């Protein structure tokens, strides 16, 4: 090929994108043959491109110098792994490119013993206290340490808690923990006044929280899902006004949501499993008045009571 400066630069840039690891070095056989140049000259090309393009950086692979084209996900993973100040990180990612979390999710799936994302993280964790709390909780999850937590809305301090995962759901960060009575609970991190070392200094065994971890991975729907409670099933009708959002194969809003049938008037019938009314009533209220509870009657009564209370307050 002709080795004009522009052509050579564009050719090398294309090769960065084609490589699985986005990395090139001066010993790259394909580039040496295609450009018909030596290793020193290729090294100078790569260095020059790296100086001109901020997204290409010099790295070391063993003793060899190489150059890597950084994708946004590379920068986020580096931050995710090495920074405890990640509140700003999630805000920046969400504002700049919400799609980044599709790739970030692939990464966090490799570390699912620590993190679980139920939706897009963008809650602020910007105060020094919140950062320190997040850092301690992260370490406790990784090391399986017992921990002590004081919530701002309670007078008591909860001791010897087993922290399972940091979970982002309902647009907020939570710590999933097991208390001394072996009950799985969720604590909103922004409501934690203090997190400190527990009375127990030993690490807990993963086998002691196996059932709770299975619940997190298979049955958690939102922050109101109760551990150990029997599931109920709500039958709900979406009126023709919003039926298109609840058709079969459309994106679901809750993990247990299932399409059942389409009625003659265009309404959609679907079901949702829940462990307590608060797990699904806020969702139904968001679609007021176009989601209608068909069954069970006690859920209908609870919903109507809340509606009446709302009218009374206005």
C-alpha atoms as a PDB file:
ATOM      1  CA  UNK A   1       0.000   0.000   0.000  1.00  0.00           C
ATOM      2  CA  UNK A   2       1.051   3.620  -0.467  1.00  0.00           C
ATOM      3  CA  UNK A   3       2.574   5.047   2.667  1.00  0.00           C
ATOM      4  CA  UNK A   4       1.250   8.607   2.730  1.00  0.00           C
ATOM      5  CA  UNK A   5       1.058  10.010   6.244  1.00  0.00           C
ATOM      6  CA  UNK A   6      -2.740  10.201   6.269  1.00  0.00           C
ATOM      7  CA  UNK A   7      -3.251   6.752   4.735  1.00  0.00           C
ATOM      8  CA  UNK A   8      -0.803   5.134   7.115  1.00  0.00           C
ATOM      9  CA  UNK A   9      -2.373   6.814  10.143  1.00  0.00           C
ATOM     10  CA  UNK A  10      -5.896   5.790   9.111  1.00  0.00           C
ATOM     11  CA  UNK A  11      -4.759   2.248   8.389  1.00  0.00           C
ATOM     12  CA  UNK A  12      -3.152   1.910  11.828  1.00  0.00           C
ATOM     13  CA  UNK A  13      -6.236   3.401  13.520  1.00  0.00           C
ATOM     14  CA  UNK A  14      -8.438   0.851  11.769  1.00  0.00           C
ATOM     15  CA  UNK A  15      -6.190  -1.924  13.042  1.00  0.00           C
ATOM     16  CA  UNK A  16      -6.564  -0.667  16.619  1.00  0.00           C
ATOM     17  CA  UNK A  17     -10.336  -1.102  16.285  1.00  0.00           C
ATOM     18  CA  UNK A  18     -10.056  -4.534  14.665  1.00  0.00           C
ATOM     19  CA  UNK A  19      -7.927  -6.081  17.422  1.00  0.00           C
ATOM     20  CA  UNK A  20      -9.835  -7.796  20.218  1.00  0.00           C
ATOM     21  CA  UNK A  21      -7.706  -6.087  22.876  1.00  0.00           C
ATOM     22  CA  UNK A  22      -7.356  -2.804  20.892  1.00  0.00           C
ATOM     23  CA  UNK A  23      -3.588  -3.092  21.298  1.00  0.00           C
ATOM     24  CA  UNK A  24      -0.702  -2.807  18.793  1.00  0.00           C
ATOM     25  CA  UNK A  25       3.077  -2.871  19.104  1.00  0.00           C
ATOM     26  CA  UNK A  26       6.044  -2.306  16.821  1.00  0.00           C
ATOM     27  CA  UNK A  27       6.465  -6.075  16.290  1.00  0.00           C
ATOM     28  CA  UNK A  28       2.991  -6.542  14.795  1.00  0.00           C
ATOM     29  CA  UNK A  29       3.633  -8.860  11.825  1.00  0.00           C
ATOM     30  CA  UNK A  30       0.555  -7.800   9.855  1.00  0.00           C
ATOM     31  CA  UNK A  31       1.359  -4.082  10.089  1.00  0.00           C
ATOM     32  CA  UNK A  32       5.030  -4.629   9.240  1.00  0.00           C
ATOM     33  CA  UNK A  33       4.116  -6.565   6.110  1.00  0.00           C
ATOM     34  CA  UNK A  34       1.248  -4.313   4.983  1.00  0.00           C
ATOM     35  CA  UNK A  35       3.170  -1.071   5.538  1.00  0.00           C
ATOM     36  CA  UNK A  36       6.476  -2.542   4.358  1.00  0.00           C
ATOM     37  CA  UNK A  37       8.421  -0.889   7.159  1.00  0.00           C
ATOM     38  CA  UNK A  38      10.701  -1.998  10.010  1.00  0.00           C
ATOM     39  CA  UNK A  39       9.968  -2.295  13.711  1.00  0.00           C
ATOM     40  CA  UNK A  40      11.673   0.996  14.614  1.00  0.00           C
ATOM     41  CA  UNK A  41       9.684   2.917  12.022  1.00  0.00           C
ATOM     42  CA  UNK A  42       6.427   1.291  13.123  1.00  0.00           C
ATOM     43  CA  UNK A  43       7.284   2.143  16.722  1.00  0.00           C
ATOM     44  CA  UNK A  44       7.716   5.794  15.732  1.00  0.00           C
ATOM     45  CA  UNK A  45       4.343   5.760  13.939  1.00  0.00           C
ATOM     46  CA  UNK A  46       2.594   4.319  16.977  1.00  0.00           C
ATOM     47  CA  UNK A  47       4.238   6.769  19.332  1.00  0.00           C
ATOM     48  CA  UNK A  48       3.351   9.705  17.095  1.00  0.00           C
ATOM     49  CA  UNK A  49      -0.290   8.594  16.880  1.00  0.00           C
ATOM     50  CA  UNK A  50      -0.447   8.165  20.658  1.00  0.00           C
ATOM     51  CA  UNK A  51       0.851  11.730  21.128  1.00  0.00           C
ATOM     52  CA  UNK A  52      -1.806  13.115  18.788  1.00  0.00           C
ATOM     53  CA  UNK A  53      -4.770  11.023  20.014  1.00  0.00           C
ATOM     54  CA  UNK A  54      -5.598  11.099  23.715  1.00  0.00           C
ATOM     55  CA  UNK A  55      -7.526   7.812  23.577  1.00  0.00           C
ATOM     56  CA  UNK A  56      -4.378   5.903  22.579  1.00  0.00           C
ATOM     57  CA  UNK A  57      -1.945   5.345  25.427  1.00  0.00           C
ATOM     58  CA  UNK A  58       1.421   3.704  25.870  1.00  0.00           C
ATOM     59  CA  UNK A  59       1.391   0.556  28.012  1.00  0.00           C
ATOM     60  CA  UNK A  60       3.819  -2.169  29.034  1.00  0.00           C
ATOM     61  CA  UNK A  61       3.262  -5.833  28.187  1.00  0.00           C
ATOM     62  CA  UNK A  62       6.053  -7.562  30.028  1.00  0.00           C
ATOM     63  CA  UNK A  63       9.191  -5.727  28.918  1.00  0.00           C
ATOM     64  CA  UNK A  64       7.645  -4.775  25.581  1.00  0.00           C
ATOM     65  CA  UNK A  65       6.203  -1.349  24.832  1.00  0.00           C
ATOM     66  CA  UNK A  66       2.744  -1.353  23.265  1.00  0.00           C
ATOM     67  CA  UNK A  67      -0.098   1.059  22.527  1.00  0.00           C
ATOM     68  CA  UNK A  68      -3.733   0.623  23.456  1.00  0.00           C
ATOM     69  CA  UNK A  69      -6.856   2.337  22.147  1.00  0.00           C
ATOM     70  CA  UNK A  70      -8.967   3.022  25.198  1.00  0.00           C
ATOM     71  CA  UNK A  71     -12.703   2.532  24.935  1.00  0.00           C
ATOM     72  CA  UNK A  72     -15.002   4.272  27.453  1.00  0.00           C
ATOM     73  CA  UNK A  73     -15.534   0.945  29.202  1.00  0.00           C
ATOM     74  CA  UNK A  74     -11.765   0.614  29.792  1.00  0.00           C
ATOM     75  CA  UNK A  75     -11.712   3.910  31.661  1.00  0.00           C
ATOM     76  CA  UNK A  76     -14.772   2.985  33.702  1.00  0.00           C
ATOM     77  CA  UNK A  77     -13.410  -0.428  34.638  1.00  0.00           C
ATOM     78  CA  UNK A  78     -10.137   1.143  35.751  1.00  0.00           C
ATOM     79  CA  UNK A  79     -12.060   3.610  37.910  1.00  0.00           C
ATOM     80  CA  UNK A  80     -14.419   0.897  39.155  1.00  0.00           C
ATOM     81  CA  UNK A  81     -11.536  -1.305  40.275  1.00  0.00           C
ATOM     82  CA  UNK A  82      -9.285   1.339  41.775  1.00  0.00           C
ATOM     83  CA  UNK A  83     -11.489   4.071  43.191  1.00  0.00           C
ATOM     84  CA  UNK A  84     -13.665   4.170  46.279  1.00  0.00           C
ATOM     85  CA  UNK A  85     -15.047   7.559  45.221  1.00  0.00           C
ATOM     86  CA  UNK A  86     -17.479   6.288  42.600  1.00  0.00           C
ATOM     87  CA  UNK A  87     -20.596   8.378  43.137  1.00  0.00           C
ATOM     88  CA  UNK A  88     -19.373  10.947  40.611  1.00  0.00           C
ATOM     89  CA  UNK A  89     -18.351   8.070  38.341  1.00  0.00           C
ATOM     90  CA  UNK A  90     -21.887   6.758  37.971  1.00  0.00           C
ATOM     91  CA  UNK A  91     -23.294  10.255  37.456  1.00  0.00           C
ATOM     92  CA  UNK A  92     -20.745  10.985  34.740  1.00  0.00           C
ATOM     93  CA  UNK A  93     -21.420   7.690  33.003  1.00  0.00           C
ATOM     94  CA  UNK A  94     -25.176   8.096  33.076  1.00  0.00           C
ATOM     95  CA  UNK A  95     -25.068  11.685  31.809  1.00  0.00           C
ATOM     96  CA  UNK A  96     -22.489  10.991  29.109  1.00  0.00           C
ATOM     97  CA  UNK A  97     -23.621   7.625  27.793  1.00  0.00           C
ATOM     98  CA  UNK A  98     -26.248   5.478  29.550  1.00  0.00           C
ATOM     99  CA  UNK A  99     -25.412   2.651  27.139  1.00  0.00           C
ATOM    100  CA  UNK A 100     -22.042   2.282  28.871  1.00  0.00           C
ATOM    101  CA  UNK A 101     -23.757   0.214  31.546  1.00  0.00           C
ATOM    102  CA  UNK A 102     -24.523  -2.543  29.051  1.00  0.00           C
ATOM    103  CA  UNK A 103     -20.775  -3.106  28.802  1.00  0.00           C
ATOM    104  CA  UNK A 104     -20.186  -2.368  32.465  1.00  0.00           C
ATOM    105  CA  UNK A 105     -22.774  -5.027  33.306  1.00  0.00           C
ATOM    106  CA  UNK A 106     -20.699  -7.599  31.407  1.00  0.00           C
ATOM    107  CA  UNK A 107     -17.744  -6.665  33.575  1.00  0.00           C
ATOM    108  CA  UNK A 108     -19.647  -6.676  36.853  1.00  0.00           C
ATOM    109  CA  UNK A 109     -21.111 -10.095  36.012  1.00  0.00           C
ATOM    110  CA  UNK A 110     -17.546 -11.368  36.366  1.00  0.00           C
ATOM    111  CA  UNK A 111     -17.581  -9.892  39.878  1.00  0.00           C
ATOM    112  CA  UNK A 112     -21.163 -10.757  40.787  1.00  0.00           C
ATOM    113  CA  UNK A 113     -20.065 -11.938  44.228  1.00  0.00           C
ATOM    114  CA  UNK A 114     -19.681  -8.231  45.076  1.00  0.00           C
ATOM    115  CA  UNK A 115     -22.050  -6.194  42.901  1.00  0.00           C
ATOM    116  CA  UNK A 116     -25.563  -6.545  41.577  1.00  0.00           C
ATOM    117  CA  UNK A 117     -27.260  -3.923  39.396  1.00  0.00           C
ATOM    118  CA  UNK A 118     -31.033  -3.878  39.160  1.00  0.00           C
ATOM    119  CA  UNK A 119     -31.075  -0.643  37.133  1.00  0.00           C
ATOM    120  CA  UNK A 120     -28.862   2.267  36.082  1.00  0.00           C
ATOM    121  CA  UNK A 121     -26.708   3.636  38.903  1.00  0.00           C
ATOM    122  CA  UNK A 122     -26.760   7.405  39.253  1.00  0.00           C
ATOM    123  CA  UNK A 123     -27.404   8.164  42.911  1.00  0.00           C
ATOM    124  CA  UNK A 124     -24.913  10.630  44.401  1.00  0.00           C
ATOM    125  CA  UNK A 125     -22.432   9.277  46.921  1.00  0.00           C
ATOM    126  CA  UNK A 126     -20.518  12.497  47.207  1.00  0.00           C
ATOM    127  CA  UNK A 127     -20.141  13.266  50.916  1.00  0.00           C
ATOM    128  CA  UNK A 128     -16.985  12.151  52.687  1.00  0.00           C
ATOM    129  CA  UNK A 129     -19.054  10.064  55.117  1.00  0.00           C
ATOM    130  CA  UNK A 130     -20.892   8.281  52.289  1.00  0.00           C
ATOM    131  CA  UNK A 131     -17.633   7.571  50.472  1.00  0.00           C
ATOM    132  CA  UNK A 132     -16.075   6.100  53.610  1.00  0.00           C
ATOM    133  CA  UNK A 133     -19.190   4.023  54.245  1.00  0.00           C
ATOM    134  CA  UNK A 134     -19.206   2.690  50.694  1.00  0.00           C
ATOM    135  CA  UNK A 135     -15.515   1.849  50.976  1.00  0.00           C
ATOM    136  CA  UNK A 136     -16.015  -0.069  54.222  1.00  0.00           C
ATOM    137  CA  UNK A 137     -19.045  -1.961  52.910  1.00  0.00           C
ATOM    138  CA  UNK A 138     -17.232  -2.875  49.714  1.00  0.00           C
ATOM    139  CA  UNK A 139     -14.342  -4.293  51.739  1.00  0.00           C
ATOM    140  CA  UNK A 140     -16.736  -6.137  54.054  1.00  0.00           C
ATOM    141  CA  UNK A 141     -18.432  -7.830  51.083  1.00  0.00           C
ATOM    142  CA  UNK A 142     -15.140  -8.827  49.530  1.00  0.00           C
ATOM    143  CA  UNK A 143     -13.577 -10.116  52.756  1.00  0.00           C
ATOM    144  CA  UNK A 144     -16.830 -11.557  54.175  1.00  0.00           C
ATOM    145  CA  UNK A 145     -16.363  -9.526  57.331  1.00  0.00           C
ATOM    146  CA  UNK A 146     -18.945  -8.975  60.034  1.00  0.00           C
ATOM    147  CA  UNK A 147     -19.872  -5.325  60.354  1.00  0.00           C
ATOM    148  CA  UNK A 148     -21.763  -2.941  62.625  1.00  0.00           C
ATOM    149  CA  UNK A 149     -24.268  -0.433  61.163  1.00  0.00           C
ATOM    150  CA  UNK A 150     -26.127   2.525  62.649  1.00  0.00           C
ATOM    151  CA  UNK A 151     -28.975   3.893  60.520  1.00  0.00           C
ATOM    152  CA  UNK A 152     -29.922   7.577  60.854  1.00  0.00           C
ATOM    153  CA  UNK A 153     -33.601   6.744  61.461  1.00  0.00           C
ATOM    154  CA  UNK A 154     -32.944   4.325  64.351  1.00  0.00           C
ATOM    155  CA  UNK A 155     -31.475   4.679  67.829  1.00  0.00           C
ATOM    156  CA  UNK A 156     -29.984   1.185  67.922  1.00  0.00           C
ATOM    157  CA  UNK A 157     -26.727  -0.008  66.362  1.00  0.00           C
ATOM    158  CA  UNK A 158     -26.951  -3.344  64.527  1.00  0.00           C
ATOM    159  CA  UNK A 159     -23.994  -5.578  65.298  1.00  0.00           C
ATOM    160  CA  UNK A 160     -22.489  -8.672  63.646  1.00  0.00           C
ATOM    161  CA  UNK A 161     -24.159  -8.189  60.277  1.00  0.00           C
ATOM    162  CA  UNK A 162     -23.038 -10.280  57.304  1.00  0.00           C
ATOM    163  CA  UNK A 163     -22.801  -8.066  54.217  1.00  0.00           C
ATOM    164  CA  UNK A 164     -23.601  -9.952  50.998  1.00  0.00           C
ATOM    165  CA  UNK A 165     -23.664  -7.475  48.130  1.00  0.00           C
ATOM    166  CA  UNK A 166     -23.810  -3.827  47.186  1.00  0.00           C
ATOM    167  CA  UNK A 167     -27.005  -3.520  45.169  1.00  0.00           C
ATOM    168  CA  UNK A 168     -28.230  -0.655  43.048  1.00  0.00           C
ATOM    169  CA  UNK A 169     -31.997  -0.770  42.612  1.00  0.00           C
ATOM    170  CA  UNK A 170     -34.868   1.689  42.540  1.00  0.00           C
ATOM    171  CA  UNK A 171     -32.271   4.388  41.731  1.00  0.00           C
ATOM    172  CA  UNK A 172     -30.516   4.001  45.087  1.00  0.00           C
ATOM    173  CA  UNK A 173     -27.564   2.098  46.542  1.00  0.00           C
ATOM    174  CA  UNK A 174     -28.343  -0.563  49.161  1.00  0.00           C
ATOM    175  CA  UNK A 175     -26.301  -2.991  51.185  1.00  0.00           C
ATOM    176  CA  UNK A 176     -27.841  -6.449  51.335  1.00  0.00           C
ATOM    177  CA  UNK A 177     -27.046  -7.947  54.728  1.00  0.00           C
ATOM    178  CA  UNK A 178     -28.078 -10.822  56.986  1.00  0.00           C
ATOM    179  CA  UNK A 179     -28.819  -9.927  60.600  1.00  0.00           C
ATOM    180  CA  UNK A 180     -28.218 -11.981  63.736  1.00  0.00           C
ATOM    181  CA  UNK A 181     -31.622 -13.647  63.305  1.00  0.00           C
ATOM    182  CA  UNK A 182     -30.555 -14.884  59.866  1.00  0.00           C
ATOM    183  CA  UNK A 183     -32.969 -12.577  58.038  1.00  0.00           C
ATOM    184  CA  UNK A 184     -31.931 -10.921  54.783  1.00  0.00           C
ATOM    185  CA  UNK A 185     -32.490  -7.152  54.782  1.00  0.00           C
ATOM    186  CA  UNK A 186     -31.627  -4.115  52.676  1.00  0.00           C
ATOM    187  CA  UNK A 187     -30.117  -0.926  54.059  1.00  0.00           C
ATOM    188  CA  UNK A 188     -30.095   2.277  52.022  1.00  0.00           C
ATOM    189  CA  UNK A 189     -26.487   3.462  52.045  1.00  0.00           C
ATOM    190  CA  UNK A 190     -27.429   7.141  52.160  1.00  0.00           C
ATOM    191  CA  UNK A 191     -29.322   6.385  55.405  1.00  0.00           C
ATOM    192  CA  UNK A 192     -26.305   4.813  57.106  1.00  0.00           C
ATOM    193  CA  UNK A 193     -25.026   7.110  59.820  1.00  0.00           C
ATOM    194  CA  UNK A 194     -22.074   4.929  60.732  1.00  0.00           C
ATOM    195  CA  UNK A 195     -20.484   1.675  59.588  1.00  0.00           C
ATOM    196  CA  UNK A 196     -17.755   0.149  61.721  1.00  0.00           C
ATOM    197  CA  UNK A 197     -16.076  -3.100  62.701  1.00  0.00           C
ATOM    198  CA  UNK A 198     -18.357  -5.621  64.372  1.00  0.00           C
ATOM    199  CA  UNK A 199     -17.852  -7.358  67.692  1.00  0.00           C
ATOM    200  CA  UNK A 200     -17.011 -10.573  65.849  1.00  0.00           C
ATOM    201  CA  UNK A 201     -13.554 -10.341  64.338  1.00  0.00           C
ATOM    202  CA  UNK A 202     -13.692 -13.514  62.249  1.00  0.00           C
ATOM    203  CA  UNK A 203     -14.988 -13.814  58.683  1.00  0.00           C
ATOM    204  CA  UNK A 204     -18.291 -15.573  58.060  1.00  0.00           C
ATOM    205  CA  UNK A 205     -18.614 -18.687  55.931  1.00  0.00           C
ATOM    206  CA  UNK A 206     -20.316 -18.358  52.498  1.00  0.00           C
ATOM    207  CA  UNK A 207     -22.323 -21.493  53.292  1.00  0.00           C
ATOM    208  CA  UNK A 208     -24.039 -19.632  56.142  1.00  0.00           C
ATOM    209  CA  UNK A 209     -25.696 -17.236  53.674  1.00  0.00           C
ATOM    210  CA  UNK A 210     -26.190 -19.563  50.712  1.00  0.00           C
ATOM    211  CA  UNK A 211     -30.000 -19.325  50.754  1.00  0.00           C
ATOM    212  CA  UNK A 212     -29.926 -15.552  51.016  1.00  0.00           C
ATOM    213  CA  UNK A 213     -27.520 -15.282  48.098  1.00  0.00           C
ATOM    214  CA  UNK A 214     -29.774 -17.513  46.003  1.00  0.00           C
ATOM    215  CA  UNK A 215     -32.677 -15.219  46.850  1.00  0.00           C
ATOM    216  CA  UNK A 216     -30.698 -12.175  45.674  1.00  0.00           C
ATOM    217  CA  UNK A 217     -29.804 -13.810  42.387  1.00  0.00           C
ATOM    218  CA  UNK A 218     -33.139 -15.455  41.586  1.00  0.00           C
ATOM    219  CA  UNK A 219     -36.002 -13.789  43.461  1.00  0.00           C
ATOM    220  CA  UNK A 220     -35.139 -10.172  44.226  1.00  0.00           C
ATOM    221  CA  UNK A 221     -37.481  -7.833  42.347  1.00  0.00           C
ATOM    222  CA  UNK A 222     -36.956  -4.496  44.086  1.00  0.00           C
ATOM    223  CA  UNK A 223     -36.115  -3.049  47.492  1.00  0.00           C
ATOM    224  CA  UNK A 224     -39.559  -4.047  48.824  1.00  0.00           C
ATOM    225  CA  UNK A 225     -39.223  -7.760  48.039  1.00  0.00           C
ATOM    226  CA  UNK A 226     -39.379  -9.633  51.346  1.00  0.00           C
ATOM    227  CA  UNK A 227     -37.066 -12.547  52.028  1.00  0.00           C
ATOM    228  CA  UNK A 228     -38.776 -15.701  53.298  1.00  0.00           C
ATOM    229  CA  UNK A 229     -42.305 -14.536  52.422  1.00  0.00           C
ATOM    230  CA  UNK A 230     -44.582 -16.610  50.212  1.00  0.00           C
ATOM    231  CA  UNK A 231     -45.171 -15.092  46.779  1.00  0.00           C
ATOM    232  CA  UNK A 232     -48.599 -13.917  45.702  1.00  0.00           C
ATOM    233  CA  UNK A 233     -49.713 -13.287  42.133  1.00  0.00           C
ATOM    234  CA  UNK A 234     -51.478 -10.141  40.982  1.00  0.00           C
ATOM    235  CA  UNK A 235     -53.570 -10.178  37.810  1.00  0.00           C
ATOM    236  CA  UNK A 236     -53.536  -6.730  36.212  1.00  0.00           C
ATOM    237  CA  UNK A 237     -55.232  -5.205  33.181  1.00  0.00           C
ATOM    238  CA  UNK A 238     -53.600  -2.489  31.082  1.00  0.00           C
ATOM    239  CA  UNK A 239     -56.198  -0.370  29.287  1.00  0.00           C
ATOM    240  CA  UNK A 240     -55.913   0.240  25.515  1.00  0.00           C
ATOM    241  CA  UNK A 241     -54.337   3.637  26.289  1.00  0.00           C
ATOM    242  CA  UNK A 242     -51.116   1.986  27.469  1.00  0.00           C
ATOM    243  CA  UNK A 243     -51.525  -1.570  26.182  1.00  0.00           C
ATOM    244  CA  UNK A 244     -48.650  -1.196  23.699  1.00  0.00           C
ATOM    245  CA  UNK A 245     -46.194  -1.078  26.606  1.00  0.00           C
ATOM    246  CA  UNK A 246     -47.377  -4.416  27.968  1.00  0.00           C
ATOM    247  CA  UNK A 247     -47.650  -6.493  24.821  1.00  0.00           C
ATOM    248  CA  UNK A 248     -45.896  -9.836  24.575  1.00  0.00           C
ATOM    249  CA  UNK A 249     -42.146  -9.562  24.027  1.00  0.00           C
ATOM    250  CA  UNK A 250     -42.049  -5.912  25.137  1.00  0.00           C
ATOM    251  CA  UNK A 251     -39.522  -4.811  27.764  1.00  0.00           C
ATOM    252  CA  UNK A 252     -40.818  -5.769  31.191  1.00  0.00           C
ATOM    253  CA  UNK A 253     -40.912  -3.341  34.108  1.00  0.00           C
ATOM    254  CA  UNK A 254     -40.645  -5.897  36.918  1.00  0.00           C
ATOM    255  CA  UNK A 255     -38.736  -9.170  36.778  1.00  0.00           C
ATOM    256  CA  UNK A 256     -41.777 -11.397  37.486  1.00  0.00           C
ATOM    257  CA  UNK A 257     -44.042  -9.605  34.985  1.00  0.00           C
ATOM    258  CA  UNK A 258     -45.618 -11.993  32.466  1.00  0.00           C
ATOM    259  CA  UNK A 259     -47.941 -11.327  29.534  1.00  0.00           C
ATOM    260  CA  UNK A 260     -51.093 -13.443  29.592  1.00  0.00           C
ATOM    261  CA  UNK A 261     -53.505 -12.353  26.855  1.00  0.00           C
ATOM    262  CA  UNK A 262     -54.956  -9.543  24.776  1.00  0.00           C
ATOM    263  CA  UNK A 263     -58.671  -8.795  25.176  1.00  0.00           C
ATOM    264  CA  UNK A 264     -61.064  -7.877  22.365  1.00  0.00           C
ATOM    265  CA  UNK A 265     -61.007  -4.188  23.300  1.00  0.00           C
ATOM    266  CA  UNK A 266     -57.202  -4.116  23.049  1.00  0.00           C
ATOM    267  CA  UNK A 267     -56.543  -4.315  26.781  1.00  0.00           C
ATOM    268  CA  UNK A 268     -53.686  -6.498  27.994  1.00  0.00           C
ATOM    269  CA  UNK A 269     -53.805  -8.919  30.893  1.00  0.00           C
ATOM    270  CA  UNK A 270     -50.520  -9.633  32.665  1.00  0.00           C
ATOM    271  CA  UNK A 271     -49.381 -10.944  36.041  1.00  0.00           C
ATOM    272  CA  UNK A 272     -46.762  -9.919  38.595  1.00  0.00           C
ATOM    273  CA  UNK A 273     -45.562 -11.896  41.609  1.00  0.00           C
ATOM    274  CA  UNK A 274     -45.030 -10.046  44.881  1.00  0.00           C
ATOM    275  CA  UNK A 275     -44.339 -10.640  48.569  1.00  0.00           C
ATOM    276  CA  UNK A 276     -46.053  -7.536  49.974  1.00  0.00           C
ATOM    277  CA  UNK A 277     -48.306  -4.800  48.595  1.00  0.00           C
ATOM    278  CA  UNK A 278     -45.554  -2.176  48.630  1.00  0.00           C
ATOM    279  CA  UNK A 279     -43.538  -4.260  46.201  1.00  0.00           C
ATOM    280  CA  UNK A 280     -45.898  -3.491  43.299  1.00  0.00           C
ATOM    281  CA  UNK A 281     -48.381  -0.766  44.325  1.00  0.00           C
ATOM    282  CA  UNK A 282     -45.994   2.137  43.574  1.00  0.00           C
ATOM    283  CA  UNK A 283     -45.527   0.708  40.081  1.00  0.00           C
ATOM    284  CA  UNK A 284     -49.289   0.451  39.532  1.00  0.00           C
ATOM    285  CA  UNK A 285     -49.770   3.990  40.812  1.00  0.00           C
ATOM    286  CA  UNK A 286     -47.308   5.319  38.249  1.00  0.00           C
ATOM    287  CA  UNK A 287     -49.698   4.215  35.507  1.00  0.00           C
ATOM    288  CA  UNK A 288     -52.785   5.642  37.165  1.00  0.00           C
ATOM    289  CA  UNK A 289     -55.558   5.272  35.987  1.00  0.00           C
ATOM    290  CA  UNK A 290     -54.662   2.799  33.228  1.00  0.00           C
ATOM    291  CA  UNK A 291     -53.557  -0.214  35.262  1.00  0.00           C
ATOM    292  CA  UNK A 292     -56.464  -2.006  36.913  1.00  0.00           C
ATOM    293  CA  UNK A 293     -55.994  -4.690  39.543  1.00  0.00           C
ATOM    294  CA  UNK A 294     -58.185  -7.689  38.743  1.00  0.00           C
ATOM    295  CA  UNK A 295     -57.024 -10.014  41.522  1.00  0.00           C
ATOM    296  CA  UNK A 296     -56.509 -10.600  44.405  1.00  0.00           C
ATOM    297  CA  UNK A 297     -59.241  -8.683  46.193  1.00  0.00           C
ATOM    298  CA  UNK A 298     -57.046  -7.750  49.166  1.00  0.00           C
ATOM    299  CA  UNK A 299     -54.585  -6.012  46.849  1.00  0.00           C
ATOM    300  CA  UNK A 300     -57.465  -4.136  45.196  1.00  0.00           C
ATOM    301  CA  UNK A 301     -58.723  -3.054  48.616  1.00  0.00           C
ATOM    302  CA  UNK A 302     -55.264  -1.897  49.662  1.00  0.00           C
ATOM    303  CA  UNK A 303     -54.898   0.099  46.452  1.00  0.00           C
ATOM    304  CA  UNK A 304     -58.328   1.716  46.756  1.00  0.00           C
ATOM    305  CA  UNK A 305     -57.566   2.648  50.360  1.00  0.00           C
ATOM    306  CA  UNK A 306     -54.401   4.445  49.282  1.00  0.00           C
ATOM    307  CA  UNK A 307     -56.279   6.251  46.532  1.00  0.00           C
ATOM    308  CA  UNK A 308     -58.924   7.379  49.014  1.00  0.00           C
ATOM    309  CA  UNK A 309     -56.228   8.606  51.400  1.00  0.00           C
ATOM    310  CA  UNK A 310     -54.688  10.558  48.546  1.00  0.00           C
ATOM    311  CA  UNK A 311     -58.042  12.211  47.745  1.00  0.00           C
ATOM    312  CA  UNK A 312     -58.600  13.009  51.398  1.00  0.00           C
ATOM    313  CA  UNK A 313     -55.189  14.682  51.628  1.00  0.00           C
ATOM    314  CA  UNK A 314     -56.088  16.939  48.736  1.00  0.00           C
END
